Every structure is written in C-alpha cells, then in structure tokens.
Protein backbone atom coordinates (compact mmCIF):
# COMPACT_ATOMS: atom_id res chain seq x y z
CA GLN A 1 84.97 49.94 152.49
CA VAL A 2 84.15 49.76 149.19
CA GLN A 3 80.52 51.78 148.54
CA VAL A 4 78.34 52.05 145.34
CA ALA A 5 75.80 54.88 145.10
CA GLU A 6 73.07 55.50 142.17
CA SER A 7 71.23 58.68 141.47
CA GLY A 8 69.00 60.15 138.85
CA GLY A 9 65.99 57.93 138.89
CA GLY A 10 62.64 59.57 138.80
CA GLN A 11 59.37 59.60 136.85
CA VAL A 12 58.92 60.08 132.85
CA GLN A 13 56.28 59.88 130.58
CA ALA A 14 56.81 57.38 127.84
CA GLY A 15 59.47 58.39 125.00
CA GLY A 16 61.04 60.80 127.37
CA SER A 17 64.64 60.50 128.54
CA LEU A 18 66.39 59.99 131.84
CA SER A 19 69.92 59.81 132.86
CA LEU A 20 71.43 57.74 135.78
CA SER A 21 74.83 57.79 137.58
CA CYS A 22 76.80 55.35 139.45
CA VAL A 23 79.88 56.26 141.50
CA VAL A 24 82.30 53.75 143.45
CA PHE A 25 83.85 55.03 146.66
CA GLY A 26 86.56 53.45 148.52
CA ASP A 27 90.42 52.21 148.57
CA ILE A 28 90.33 50.57 145.42
CA ASP A 29 92.87 48.80 142.91
CA ARG A 30 90.45 48.57 139.90
CA ILE A 31 87.12 48.19 138.84
CA ASN A 32 86.92 45.36 136.43
CA LEU A 33 83.32 45.81 135.53
CA MET A 34 80.44 48.49 136.05
CA ALA A 35 77.09 47.37 135.22
CA TRP A 36 73.50 48.24 135.51
CA TYR A 37 70.76 45.67 136.29
CA ARG A 38 67.24 46.38 136.84
CA GLN A 39 64.14 44.70 138.85
CA PRO A 40 60.55 45.60 137.59
CA PRO A 41 57.77 45.18 139.95
CA ILE A 42 56.86 41.71 138.37
CA GLY A 43 59.31 39.77 136.92
CA GLN A 44 63.16 38.89 137.10
CA ARG A 45 66.20 40.98 137.35
CA GLU A 46 67.96 41.53 134.21
CA LEU A 47 71.21 43.06 132.78
CA VAL A 48 70.50 46.63 131.33
CA ALA A 49 74.20 47.46 130.30
CA SER A 50 77.69 46.86 131.33
CA ILE A 51 81.10 48.40 130.63
CA SER A 52 84.26 46.95 131.40
CA TYR A 53 87.58 48.34 132.33
CA GLY A 54 88.93 48.16 128.67
CA GLY A 55 85.70 49.82 127.45
CA SER A 56 83.73 46.53 126.20
CA ILE A 57 80.25 47.31 126.32
CA GLU A 58 77.14 45.13 126.49
CA TYR A 59 73.53 45.55 126.53
CA GLY A 60 70.37 43.70 127.46
CA ASP A 61 68.21 43.11 124.28
CA SER A 62 65.39 44.93 125.75
CA VAL A 63 67.13 48.39 125.74
CA LYS A 64 69.95 48.10 122.82
CA GLY A 65 69.54 51.04 120.66
CA ARG A 66 67.71 53.11 123.22
CA PHE A 67 70.30 53.09 126.20
CA ILE A 68 73.91 54.32 126.29
CA ILE A 69 76.23 53.32 128.91
CA SER A 70 79.54 55.11 129.36
CA ARG A 71 82.26 55.67 131.76
CA TRP A 72 83.02 59.21 133.20
CA ASP A 73 86.01 58.26 135.09
CA ASP A 74 87.58 55.35 136.54
CA ASN A 75 85.03 55.32 139.37
CA THR A 76 81.84 56.39 137.60
CA VAL A 77 79.26 55.54 134.68
CA HIS A 78 76.59 57.09 133.29
CA LEU A 79 73.52 55.50 131.56
CA GLN A 80 71.67 57.54 129.23
CA MET A 81 67.94 56.45 128.70
CA ASN A 82 66.02 57.26 125.63
CA ASN A 83 62.92 56.49 124.17
CA LEU A 84 61.49 54.93 127.66
CA GLU A 85 58.89 52.76 127.51
CA PRO A 86 56.31 51.49 130.67
CA ASP A 87 58.16 48.10 130.56
CA ASP A 88 61.58 50.07 131.46
CA THR A 89 59.64 50.66 134.78
CA ALA A 90 62.01 49.33 137.58
CA ALA A 91 64.50 49.58 140.13
CA TYR A 92 67.80 50.25 138.63
CA TYR A 93 70.92 48.94 140.57
CA CYS A 94 74.66 49.49 139.71
CA LYS A 95 76.82 46.65 140.38
CA GLY A 96 80.87 47.05 140.27
CA ASP A 97 83.13 44.18 140.02
CA VAL A 98 85.81 45.69 142.32
CA ILE A 99 89.14 44.83 143.48
CA PRO A 100 89.98 46.57 146.91
CA ARG A 101 93.35 47.90 147.62
CA GLY A 102 95.75 45.01 148.56
CA TRP A 103 93.46 42.27 147.57
CA GLY A 104 95.66 41.39 144.55
CA SER A 105 93.65 39.72 142.01
CA GLN A 106 90.81 38.75 144.39
CA GLY A 107 87.66 41.00 143.56
CA SER A 108 84.04 41.32 144.74
CA GLU A 109 80.73 42.33 143.67
CA TYR A 110 79.36 45.62 145.27
CA TRP A 111 75.78 46.70 144.77
CA GLY A 112 73.89 50.14 145.30
CA ARG A 113 70.95 50.41 146.87
CA GLY A 114 69.07 50.91 143.67
CA THR A 115 67.29 54.05 142.27
CA GLN A 116 63.46 53.85 140.98
CA VAL A 117 62.66 54.81 137.50
CA THR A 118 59.12 55.00 136.42
CA VAL A 119 57.80 55.38 133.09
CA PHE A 120 54.08 56.35 132.45
CA SER A 121 52.22 56.06 129.12
C-alpha cells in the first residue's frame, strides 16, 4: 500500500530556516506530482509548493522567493524554508499524486500525517 511520510518539522525563530522531507513508499508505477500544503491554526489550507514528474514547479504566493522545493529521487522531495515568518506556522502536509503499480493511468492522492512547523517572532 502507498504511504507518505513527512519529517523535519519543528520550532524556529522568525528569520530562520527549516527543511522538510517527504518520502512516498509503496509499489508504484509513477508519481505524477508531489506537493506541500499547509494548514495554519486559523485559516484555510493552502498550497505551499509542488513539483511534477517532469520537474515543473509551482509556489504559493506567500512563500515565493523564500521556499525551495526539489526532488531528491523518484520518491522523495525536499522543502527548504528560508526567512521564516510567524505566518508560516502551520501543519505541513505532503501529498503525492500516485499511480500504484498495475493501475495503468489511474492514480490517486496520498497524504502524509503532517509535520508541525512553528515560527516565533
């Protein structure tokens, strides 16, 4: 079964940096997209960054220029968060758009359990 695991959350002072990692495990044909979303204590969930199988990258406006998403291998993505702000405080979730082996073109979304990032001013 496909599973997603995030790591790297923690507490950091404003202006600091933090790195998150996401690994997708399972019997997989392809991961079409891996993305980071975040859910703040108050507010709606938003896209942080995404990277496609072909390497296309998208960032949310609030993190553009501060965060960098990269692919380490076929199953792993990294999110480098720089110049962190208190508004970055949120639970960060990794999502993989995954085609399990044998499903052909049919895929599904798989979510990690989240990792908490807290930024203090």
